[in-house]
N, C-alpha and C. Protein backbone atom coordinates (compact mmCIF):
# COMPACT_ATOMS: atom_id res chain seq x y z
N MET A 1 0.85 -1.17 0.00
CA MET A 1 0.00 0.00 0.00
C MET A 1 0.90 1.23 0.00
N SER A 2 1.49 1.53 -1.11
CA SER A 2 2.50 2.59 -1.19
C SER A 2 1.96 3.98 -0.91
N VAL A 3 0.70 4.25 -1.20
CA VAL A 3 0.19 5.61 -1.04
C VAL A 3 0.16 6.05 0.42
N LEU A 4 0.18 5.13 1.34
CA LEU A 4 0.11 5.50 2.74
C LEU A 4 1.44 5.33 3.46
N SER A 5 2.49 5.04 2.71
CA SER A 5 3.77 4.88 3.36
C SER A 5 4.36 6.22 3.75
N VAL A 6 5.23 6.19 4.73
CA VAL A 6 5.83 7.42 5.23
C VAL A 6 6.86 7.92 4.23
N GLY A 7 6.97 9.23 4.14
CA GLY A 7 8.00 9.81 3.30
C GLY A 7 7.61 11.19 2.83
N CYS A 8 8.26 12.19 3.38
CA CYS A 8 8.03 13.53 2.89
C CYS A 8 9.29 14.33 3.11
N SER A 9 9.46 15.32 2.28
CA SER A 9 10.66 16.14 2.32
C SER A 9 10.30 17.55 2.75
N ASP A 10 11.24 18.21 3.39
CA ASP A 10 11.01 19.58 3.82
C ASP A 10 11.52 20.59 2.78
N SER A 11 11.97 20.11 1.63
CA SER A 11 12.47 21.03 0.63
C SER A 11 11.34 21.89 0.07
N ASP A 12 11.64 23.15 -0.19
CA ASP A 12 10.63 24.09 -0.67
C ASP A 12 10.80 24.29 -2.16
N VAL A 13 10.42 23.31 -2.95
CA VAL A 13 10.56 23.35 -4.38
C VAL A 13 9.57 24.36 -4.96
N PHE A 14 8.38 24.45 -4.40
CA PHE A 14 7.33 25.35 -4.84
C PHE A 14 6.33 25.49 -3.71
N ALA A 15 5.33 26.31 -3.90
CA ALA A 15 4.34 26.53 -2.84
C ALA A 15 3.30 25.40 -2.82
N PRO A 16 3.17 24.71 -1.71
CA PRO A 16 2.16 23.65 -1.61
C PRO A 16 0.75 24.25 -1.49
N GLU A 17 -0.26 23.42 -1.74
CA GLU A 17 -1.64 23.86 -1.57
C GLU A 17 -1.88 24.22 -0.10
N VAL A 18 -2.73 25.21 0.12
CA VAL A 18 -3.11 25.64 1.46
C VAL A 18 -4.60 25.35 1.60
N ILE A 19 -4.97 24.58 2.62
CA ILE A 19 -6.36 24.14 2.76
C ILE A 19 -7.34 25.31 2.70
N GLU A 20 -7.09 26.34 3.49
CA GLU A 20 -8.04 27.44 3.59
C GLU A 20 -8.13 28.28 2.31
N GLU A 21 -7.17 28.13 1.39
CA GLU A 21 -7.16 28.88 0.14
C GLU A 21 -7.55 28.02 -1.06
N THR A 22 -7.84 26.76 -0.83
CA THR A 22 -8.12 25.82 -1.92
C THR A 22 -9.61 25.80 -2.26
N GLU A 23 -9.89 25.78 -3.55
CA GLU A 23 -11.27 25.61 -4.01
C GLU A 23 -11.44 24.12 -4.29
N PHE A 24 -12.12 23.43 -3.39
CA PHE A 24 -12.33 21.99 -3.52
C PHE A 24 -13.42 21.71 -4.54
N ALA A 25 -13.28 20.60 -5.25
CA ALA A 25 -14.32 20.20 -6.20
C ALA A 25 -15.65 20.09 -5.45
N ALA A 26 -16.71 20.61 -6.05
CA ALA A 26 -18.03 20.62 -5.41
C ALA A 26 -18.48 19.21 -5.03
N SER A 27 -18.10 18.21 -5.84
CA SER A 27 -18.54 16.84 -5.57
C SER A 27 -18.00 16.29 -4.25
N LEU A 28 -16.95 16.91 -3.72
CA LEU A 28 -16.39 16.46 -2.44
C LEU A 28 -17.27 16.88 -1.26
N GLY A 29 -18.05 17.92 -1.42
CA GLY A 29 -18.92 18.38 -0.35
C GLY A 29 -18.18 18.87 0.88
N ILE A 30 -17.02 19.46 0.69
CA ILE A 30 -16.23 19.91 1.83
C ILE A 30 -16.66 21.31 2.26
N ASN A 31 -16.99 21.43 3.53
CA ASN A 31 -17.35 22.71 4.15
C ASN A 31 -16.44 22.86 5.37
N LEU A 32 -15.33 23.56 5.19
CA LEU A 32 -14.34 23.67 6.27
C LEU A 32 -14.94 24.26 7.55
N SER A 33 -15.92 25.15 7.42
CA SER A 33 -16.49 25.79 8.62
C SER A 33 -17.27 24.81 9.48
N SER A 34 -17.65 23.67 8.92
CA SER A 34 -18.37 22.67 9.72
C SER A 34 -17.45 21.55 10.20
N MET A 35 -16.16 21.67 9.90
CA MET A 35 -15.19 20.66 10.30
C MET A 35 -14.39 21.15 11.50
N THR A 36 -13.77 20.20 12.20
CA THR A 36 -12.90 20.52 13.33
C THR A 36 -11.47 20.59 12.83
N LYS A 37 -10.78 21.71 13.13
CA LYS A 37 -9.38 21.84 12.76
C LYS A 37 -8.53 21.53 13.98
N THR A 38 -7.58 20.62 13.82
CA THR A 38 -6.68 20.25 14.91
C THR A 38 -5.51 21.22 14.97
N ALA A 39 -4.72 21.14 16.02
CA ALA A 39 -3.55 22.00 16.19
C ALA A 39 -2.54 21.82 15.07
N SER A 40 -2.49 20.64 14.47
CA SER A 40 -1.54 20.36 13.40
C SER A 40 -1.98 20.91 12.04
N GLY A 41 -3.25 21.30 11.93
CA GLY A 41 -3.79 21.80 10.67
C GLY A 41 -4.66 20.81 9.93
N LEU A 42 -4.88 19.63 10.50
CA LEU A 42 -5.76 18.62 9.93
C LEU A 42 -7.21 19.02 10.16
N TYR A 43 -8.07 18.81 9.17
CA TYR A 43 -9.51 19.04 9.33
C TYR A 43 -10.21 17.70 9.41
N ILE A 44 -11.14 17.57 10.37
CA ILE A 44 -11.87 16.32 10.59
C ILE A 44 -13.36 16.59 10.57
N GLU A 45 -14.09 15.73 9.85
CA GLU A 45 -15.55 15.76 9.84
C GLU A 45 -16.05 14.37 10.24
N GLU A 46 -16.87 14.34 11.27
CA GLU A 46 -17.48 13.07 11.68
C GLU A 46 -18.69 12.83 10.78
N ILE A 47 -18.64 11.82 9.96
CA ILE A 47 -19.76 11.47 9.09
C ILE A 47 -20.72 10.56 9.84
N GLN A 48 -20.15 9.60 10.55
CA GLN A 48 -20.94 8.67 11.36
C GLN A 48 -20.12 8.32 12.59
N LEU A 49 -20.69 8.54 13.76
CA LEU A 49 -19.99 8.19 14.99
C LEU A 49 -20.09 6.69 15.21
N GLY A 50 -18.95 6.08 15.50
CA GLY A 50 -18.96 4.66 15.81
C GLY A 50 -19.39 4.44 17.25
N GLU A 51 -19.72 3.23 17.56
CA GLU A 51 -20.14 2.89 18.92
C GLU A 51 -19.21 1.89 19.58
N GLY A 52 -18.17 1.51 18.87
CA GLY A 52 -17.22 0.54 19.41
C GLY A 52 -16.09 1.19 20.17
N GLU A 53 -15.04 0.42 20.36
CA GLU A 53 -13.85 0.86 21.08
C GLU A 53 -13.20 2.05 20.38
N GLU A 54 -12.56 2.95 21.15
CA GLU A 54 -11.88 4.13 20.60
C GLU A 54 -10.45 3.81 20.23
N ALA A 55 -10.04 4.25 19.05
CA ALA A 55 -8.69 4.00 18.54
C ALA A 55 -7.66 4.90 19.23
N SER A 56 -6.56 4.29 19.67
CA SER A 56 -5.47 5.05 20.29
C SER A 56 -4.13 4.45 19.90
N ALA A 57 -3.07 5.19 20.17
CA ALA A 57 -1.72 4.76 19.80
C ALA A 57 -1.45 3.34 20.28
N GLY A 58 -0.86 2.54 19.41
CA GLY A 58 -0.54 1.16 19.72
C GLY A 58 -1.58 0.16 19.24
N ASP A 59 -2.80 0.63 18.95
CA ASP A 59 -3.86 -0.26 18.44
C ASP A 59 -3.57 -0.65 17.00
N LEU A 60 -3.92 -1.88 16.65
CA LEU A 60 -3.89 -2.32 15.26
C LEU A 60 -5.26 -1.99 14.68
N ALA A 61 -5.31 -0.98 13.83
CA ALA A 61 -6.56 -0.51 13.25
C ALA A 61 -6.75 -1.07 11.86
N THR A 62 -7.95 -1.57 11.58
CA THR A 62 -8.31 -2.01 10.23
C THR A 62 -9.30 -0.98 9.69
N VAL A 63 -8.97 -0.39 8.56
CA VAL A 63 -9.79 0.66 7.97
C VAL A 63 -10.11 0.36 6.51
N THR A 64 -11.23 0.90 6.07
CA THR A 64 -11.58 0.95 4.66
C THR A 64 -11.56 2.42 4.30
N TYR A 65 -10.91 2.78 3.21
CA TYR A 65 -10.70 4.19 2.91
C TYR A 65 -10.76 4.47 1.42
N THR A 66 -10.99 5.73 1.10
CA THR A 66 -10.83 6.26 -0.25
C THR A 66 -10.04 7.55 -0.12
N GLY A 67 -8.99 7.69 -0.91
CA GLY A 67 -8.17 8.89 -0.90
C GLY A 67 -8.36 9.68 -2.18
N MET A 68 -8.57 11.00 -2.04
CA MET A 68 -8.80 11.87 -3.19
C MET A 68 -7.97 13.13 -3.10
N LEU A 69 -7.76 13.75 -4.24
CA LEU A 69 -7.12 15.05 -4.31
C LEU A 69 -8.19 16.13 -4.24
N SER A 70 -7.79 17.39 -4.12
CA SER A 70 -8.75 18.49 -3.99
C SER A 70 -9.64 18.66 -5.21
N ASN A 71 -9.23 18.12 -6.37
CA ASN A 71 -10.05 18.19 -7.57
C ASN A 71 -10.97 16.97 -7.71
N ALA A 72 -11.07 16.16 -6.67
CA ALA A 72 -11.92 14.96 -6.58
C ALA A 72 -11.37 13.75 -7.32
N THR A 73 -10.13 13.80 -7.80
CA THR A 73 -9.51 12.63 -8.41
C THR A 73 -9.18 11.62 -7.32
N THR A 74 -9.68 10.39 -7.48
CA THR A 74 -9.37 9.33 -6.52
C THR A 74 -7.99 8.77 -6.86
N PHE A 75 -7.11 8.70 -5.85
CA PHE A 75 -5.78 8.15 -6.08
C PHE A 75 -5.60 6.79 -5.43
N ASP A 76 -6.47 6.41 -4.50
CA ASP A 76 -6.34 5.11 -3.86
C ASP A 76 -7.61 4.77 -3.10
N THR A 77 -7.88 3.50 -2.98
CA THR A 77 -9.01 3.02 -2.20
C THR A 77 -8.69 1.59 -1.77
N GLY A 78 -9.18 1.20 -0.61
CA GLY A 78 -8.92 -0.16 -0.17
C GLY A 78 -9.21 -0.37 1.30
N THR A 79 -8.78 -1.51 1.78
CA THR A 79 -8.88 -1.89 3.19
C THR A 79 -7.51 -2.39 3.61
N PHE A 80 -7.04 -1.95 4.76
CA PHE A 80 -5.76 -2.44 5.27
C PHE A 80 -5.69 -2.20 6.77
N SER A 81 -4.69 -2.79 7.39
CA SER A 81 -4.47 -2.65 8.83
C SER A 81 -3.11 -2.02 9.08
N PHE A 82 -3.02 -1.20 10.12
CA PHE A 82 -1.77 -0.57 10.51
C PHE A 82 -1.81 -0.28 12.00
N THR A 83 -0.64 -0.12 12.60
CA THR A 83 -0.54 0.18 14.02
C THR A 83 -0.52 1.69 14.21
N LEU A 84 -1.50 2.21 14.92
CA LEU A 84 -1.58 3.65 15.17
C LEU A 84 -0.36 4.14 15.93
N GLY A 85 0.19 5.26 15.48
CA GLY A 85 1.31 5.88 16.16
C GLY A 85 2.66 5.27 15.87
N SER A 86 2.73 4.32 14.95
CA SER A 86 4.00 3.63 14.68
C SER A 86 4.77 4.24 13.53
N GLY A 87 4.19 5.21 12.82
CA GLY A 87 4.86 5.80 11.68
C GLY A 87 4.69 5.02 10.40
N GLY A 88 3.78 4.06 10.38
CA GLY A 88 3.57 3.23 9.19
C GLY A 88 2.73 3.88 8.11
N VAL A 89 2.08 4.99 8.42
CA VAL A 89 1.27 5.72 7.45
C VAL A 89 1.64 7.20 7.54
N ILE A 90 1.15 7.99 6.62
CA ILE A 90 1.41 9.43 6.69
C ILE A 90 0.81 9.99 7.98
N GLN A 91 1.43 11.03 8.49
CA GLN A 91 1.05 11.60 9.78
C GLN A 91 -0.43 12.02 9.84
N GLY A 92 -0.94 12.64 8.78
CA GLY A 92 -2.32 13.09 8.78
C GLY A 92 -3.32 11.95 8.82
N PHE A 93 -2.99 10.82 8.20
CA PHE A 93 -3.89 9.66 8.22
C PHE A 93 -3.91 9.07 9.62
N ASP A 94 -2.75 8.94 10.23
CA ASP A 94 -2.63 8.43 11.60
C ASP A 94 -3.44 9.30 12.56
N GLU A 95 -3.25 10.61 12.47
CA GLU A 95 -3.98 11.53 13.34
C GLU A 95 -5.48 11.47 13.07
N GLY A 96 -5.85 11.30 11.81
CA GLY A 96 -7.26 11.25 11.44
C GLY A 96 -8.00 10.03 11.98
N VAL A 97 -7.30 8.92 12.15
CA VAL A 97 -7.92 7.70 12.68
C VAL A 97 -7.93 7.70 14.21
N THR A 98 -6.93 8.31 14.82
CA THR A 98 -6.85 8.35 16.28
C THR A 98 -8.10 9.02 16.85
N GLY A 99 -8.71 8.37 17.81
CA GLY A 99 -9.92 8.90 18.45
C GLY A 99 -11.22 8.42 17.82
N MET A 100 -11.13 7.79 16.64
CA MET A 100 -12.34 7.22 16.03
C MET A 100 -12.80 6.03 16.86
N ARG A 101 -14.08 5.73 16.76
CA ARG A 101 -14.63 4.53 17.37
C ARG A 101 -14.96 3.53 16.27
N VAL A 102 -14.82 2.24 16.57
CA VAL A 102 -15.12 1.19 15.60
C VAL A 102 -16.54 1.40 15.08
N GLY A 103 -16.68 1.33 13.76
CA GLY A 103 -17.96 1.56 13.10
C GLY A 103 -18.12 3.00 12.64
N GLY A 104 -17.21 3.87 13.04
CA GLY A 104 -17.28 5.28 12.67
C GLY A 104 -16.72 5.55 11.29
N ILE A 105 -17.19 6.67 10.73
CA ILE A 105 -16.71 7.12 9.42
C ILE A 105 -16.33 8.59 9.56
N ARG A 106 -15.15 8.93 9.08
CA ARG A 106 -14.67 10.31 9.10
C ARG A 106 -14.19 10.71 7.72
N ARG A 107 -14.28 12.01 7.49
CA ARG A 107 -13.59 12.60 6.35
C ARG A 107 -12.48 13.45 6.95
N VAL A 108 -11.28 13.31 6.43
CA VAL A 108 -10.16 14.12 6.90
C VAL A 108 -9.56 14.85 5.70
N VAL A 109 -9.21 16.11 5.93
CA VAL A 109 -8.54 16.92 4.92
C VAL A 109 -7.14 17.17 5.46
N ILE A 110 -6.15 16.63 4.75
CA ILE A 110 -4.78 16.61 5.24
C ILE A 110 -3.93 17.61 4.47
N PRO A 111 -3.30 18.55 5.20
CA PRO A 111 -2.41 19.50 4.51
C PRO A 111 -1.15 18.78 4.03
N PRO A 112 -0.49 19.33 3.00
CA PRO A 112 0.70 18.67 2.44
C PRO A 112 1.76 18.32 3.48
N GLU A 113 1.95 19.19 4.48
CA GLU A 113 3.01 18.93 5.46
C GLU A 113 2.72 17.73 6.36
N LEU A 114 1.47 17.24 6.37
CA LEU A 114 1.13 16.01 7.11
C LEU A 114 0.94 14.84 6.16
N ALA A 115 1.30 15.05 4.88
CA ALA A 115 1.16 14.00 3.86
C ALA A 115 2.51 13.79 3.19
N TYR A 116 2.64 14.17 1.92
CA TYR A 116 3.88 13.93 1.18
C TYR A 116 4.67 15.20 0.89
N GLY A 117 4.27 16.31 1.50
CA GLY A 117 5.02 17.56 1.34
C GLY A 117 5.25 17.90 -0.12
N ASN A 118 6.44 18.38 -0.41
CA ASN A 118 6.78 18.79 -1.77
C ASN A 118 7.33 17.66 -2.64
N THR A 119 7.30 16.43 -2.13
CA THR A 119 7.83 15.32 -2.93
C THR A 119 6.76 14.60 -3.72
N GLY A 120 5.52 14.56 -3.21
CA GLY A 120 4.49 13.78 -3.86
C GLY A 120 4.76 12.30 -3.70
N SER A 121 3.90 11.50 -4.30
CA SER A 121 4.08 10.04 -4.24
C SER A 121 3.21 9.40 -5.32
N GLY A 122 3.84 8.75 -6.28
CA GLY A 122 3.08 8.10 -7.35
C GLY A 122 2.19 9.10 -8.07
N SER A 123 0.87 8.87 -8.05
CA SER A 123 -0.07 9.75 -8.75
C SER A 123 -0.45 10.98 -7.93
N ILE A 124 0.14 11.14 -6.74
CA ILE A 124 -0.12 12.31 -5.89
C ILE A 124 0.93 13.37 -6.21
N PRO A 125 0.50 14.50 -6.78
CA PRO A 125 1.47 15.55 -7.12
C PRO A 125 2.11 16.17 -5.87
N PRO A 126 3.31 16.70 -6.01
CA PRO A 126 3.96 17.40 -4.90
C PRO A 126 3.07 18.54 -4.39
N GLY A 127 3.07 18.75 -3.08
CA GLY A 127 2.34 19.85 -2.46
C GLY A 127 0.85 19.65 -2.35
N SER A 128 0.37 18.43 -2.55
CA SER A 128 -1.08 18.17 -2.59
C SER A 128 -1.73 18.05 -1.22
N ILE A 129 -2.94 18.59 -1.15
CA ILE A 129 -3.85 18.33 -0.03
C ILE A 129 -4.49 16.99 -0.32
N LEU A 130 -4.62 16.14 0.70
CA LEU A 130 -5.27 14.84 0.53
C LEU A 130 -6.58 14.82 1.31
N ILE A 131 -7.60 14.21 0.73
CA ILE A 131 -8.89 14.05 1.39
C ILE A 131 -9.15 12.55 1.49
N PHE A 132 -9.40 12.09 2.70
CA PHE A 132 -9.71 10.68 2.90
C PHE A 132 -11.07 10.52 3.54
N ARG A 133 -11.82 9.54 3.06
CA ARG A 133 -13.02 9.06 3.74
C ARG A 133 -12.59 7.76 4.38
N ILE A 134 -12.65 7.70 5.70
CA ILE A 134 -12.11 6.56 6.45
C ILE A 134 -13.20 5.93 7.29
N GLN A 135 -13.34 4.62 7.19
CA GLN A 135 -14.22 3.87 8.09
C GLN A 135 -13.35 2.98 8.95
N LEU A 136 -13.54 3.07 10.26
CA LEU A 136 -12.79 2.21 11.18
C LEU A 136 -13.56 0.91 11.34
N ASP A 137 -13.00 -0.16 10.77
CA ASP A 137 -13.69 -1.46 10.75
C ASP A 137 -13.43 -2.28 12.01
N ALA A 138 -12.21 -2.21 12.54
CA ALA A 138 -11.88 -3.04 13.71
C ALA A 138 -10.62 -2.53 14.40
N LEU A 139 -10.49 -2.87 15.67
CA LEU A 139 -9.27 -2.63 16.44
C LEU A 139 -8.84 -3.94 17.07
N ASN A 140 -7.53 -4.18 17.07
CA ASN A 140 -7.00 -5.40 17.69
C ASN A 140 -5.83 -5.04 18.57
C-alpha cells in the first residue's frame, strides 16, 4: 500500500496547496467551517460516529478508505491494517484515525506537510492536499 507509506521532504521546491485557500471540487462536499481543525492543521468531519472501542496509539486498526485530491480525483481506495502511532502511514492519516470509534466514518482533509510535502508520491502531485473518507472497521 505505497500511497500511505511514510515519506516527505522539507524542501521548498514550490508553494504547496493551502487548505483554507483551496477551491475543492463541489462533488467532495467539503465545508471547512463545519469541520474541526486540529492544532496540526488537519480538518476532521465526523460522518458517522462509531459505537465501538476508541482508537489510540498502539492499536492495530483495520480501515476501509478512499483517498482523493482536492479536484476529486481518486488516487487510492482499499482496506488495510496498521498500528496507530507507529509511523507506518502518513502523519495526517494516523492523526485522522486516532480517536475514532469502531464503526465510525470520518472525512479528513490533510495538509501537504502532514502528507507527502513537496515530494508527492506516485499519482499524488507534490504539495497536494489529501482528502480521505475513512471507516474504522476493527481494532486489535
